[in-house]
Protein backbone atom coordinates (compact mmCIF):
# COMPACT_ATOMS: atom_id res chain seq x y z
CA MET A 1 7.77 5.88 -3.09
CA ALA A 2 9.97 4.86 -5.96
CA TYR A 3 11.89 2.25 -3.80
CA VAL A 4 11.46 0.22 -0.65
CA ILE A 5 13.86 -1.32 1.72
CA ALA A 6 12.44 -4.65 2.99
CA GLU A 7 12.96 -7.62 5.50
CA PRO A 8 16.29 -8.94 4.14
CA CYS A 9 17.90 -5.75 5.34
CA ILE A 10 16.95 -6.49 9.13
CA ASN A 11 20.16 -6.81 11.19
CA VAL A 12 22.34 -6.44 7.99
CA LYS A 13 22.16 -2.68 7.43
CA ASP A 14 25.10 -2.89 4.94
CA THR A 15 25.53 0.75 3.71
CA ALA A 16 26.72 0.14 0.18
CA CYS A 17 23.06 1.53 -0.87
CA VAL A 18 23.73 4.88 1.38
CA ASP A 19 26.99 5.00 -0.77
CA ALA A 20 25.39 4.79 -3.98
CA CYS A 21 22.71 6.93 -3.85
CA PRO A 22 23.17 10.07 -5.37
CA VAL A 23 20.56 12.12 -3.51
CA ASP A 24 21.37 10.91 -0.04
CA CYS A 25 17.95 9.80 0.76
CA ILE A 26 18.60 6.35 2.59
CA HIS A 27 19.10 6.49 6.20
CA PRO A 28 20.02 6.07 8.98
CA ARG A 29 23.87 6.27 7.72
CA LYS A 30 26.74 4.82 9.96
CA ASP A 31 27.51 8.30 11.30
CA GLU A 32 23.72 9.18 12.47
CA ALA A 33 22.90 8.68 16.14
CA ASP A 34 20.01 6.06 15.40
CA PHE A 35 22.19 3.83 13.21
CA THR A 36 22.85 1.44 16.02
CA GLU A 37 19.34 1.05 17.11
CA ALA A 38 17.68 0.94 13.83
CA GLU A 39 16.58 -2.52 12.69
CA LEU A 40 17.09 -1.78 8.95
CA LEU A 41 17.87 1.21 6.59
CA TYR A 42 15.22 3.33 5.04
CA ILE A 43 14.54 5.00 1.98
CA HIS A 44 12.85 8.64 1.99
CA PRO A 45 9.68 8.14 -0.30
CA ILE A 46 9.59 11.81 -1.38
CA GLU A 47 13.29 12.43 -2.09
CA CYS A 48 14.11 9.21 -3.80
CA ILE A 49 14.56 9.96 -7.27
CA ASP A 50 13.64 6.46 -8.74
CA CYS A 51 17.52 6.07 -10.23
CA GLY A 52 17.63 2.36 -8.83
CA ALA A 53 21.45 2.92 -8.08
CA CYS A 54 20.88 1.37 -4.70
CA VAL A 55 19.38 -1.86 -5.99
CA PRO A 56 22.43 -3.56 -7.63
CA VAL A 57 24.77 -2.79 -4.70
CA CYS A 58 22.57 -4.30 -2.17
CA PRO A 59 24.26 -7.79 -0.83
CA VAL A 60 20.88 -9.07 0.49
CA SER A 61 18.62 -8.12 -2.36
CA ALA A 62 16.61 -6.09 0.16
CA ILE A 63 15.57 -3.24 -2.18
CA PHE A 64 12.75 -3.06 -4.44
CA ALA A 65 10.61 -0.62 -6.74
CA LEU A 66 7.40 -0.20 -5.17
CA ASP A 67 5.73 -2.04 -8.00
CA ASP A 68 7.89 -5.06 -7.75
CA LEU A 69 7.96 -5.17 -3.66
CA PRO A 70 6.93 -9.03 -2.94
CA ALA A 71 3.53 -9.31 -1.38
CA GLN A 72 4.71 -10.63 1.78
CA TRP A 73 6.83 -7.52 2.11
CA GLU A 74 4.31 -4.96 1.03
CA HIS A 75 3.94 -3.45 4.87
CA TYR A 76 7.60 -2.33 4.26
CA ALA A 77 6.36 0.60 2.08
CA LYS A 78 4.72 2.01 5.03
CA ILE A 79 7.51 1.19 7.32
CA ASN A 80 9.93 3.34 5.24
CA ALA A 81 7.36 6.03 5.00
CA ASP A 82 6.54 6.08 8.70
CA HIS A 83 10.29 6.17 9.46
CA TYR A 84 10.39 9.78 7.70
CA GLY A 85 7.02 10.63 9.57
CA LEU A 86 4.97 10.40 6.22
CA GLY A 87 2.74 7.14 6.98
C-alpha cells in the first residue's frame, strides 16, 4: 500500500484528493452511492501508483505514505484495505 487516508479525514471527506488522483483509486466519490454513509475516503492499496498527487491537495493533511503513517493512526492502513475487501 502506497498511501493511506487517516483520522483527519473523518467527517471531512474533501474530494480534492479524488480529483488529483491520476488512476482513480480514491473512493467513494461524491457521485457514488456510499459517499454519504462513508466516514472517510479510502485509497485502494493495489491500484495506488505511489505518485503522491493526493497529499498536497488534502486540506486536513490526512494522507500519508505508509512508511510515514503516524503510530497512532497505523490501524488506518487496515481500514483502507478492508474497505476494498483486501484486509
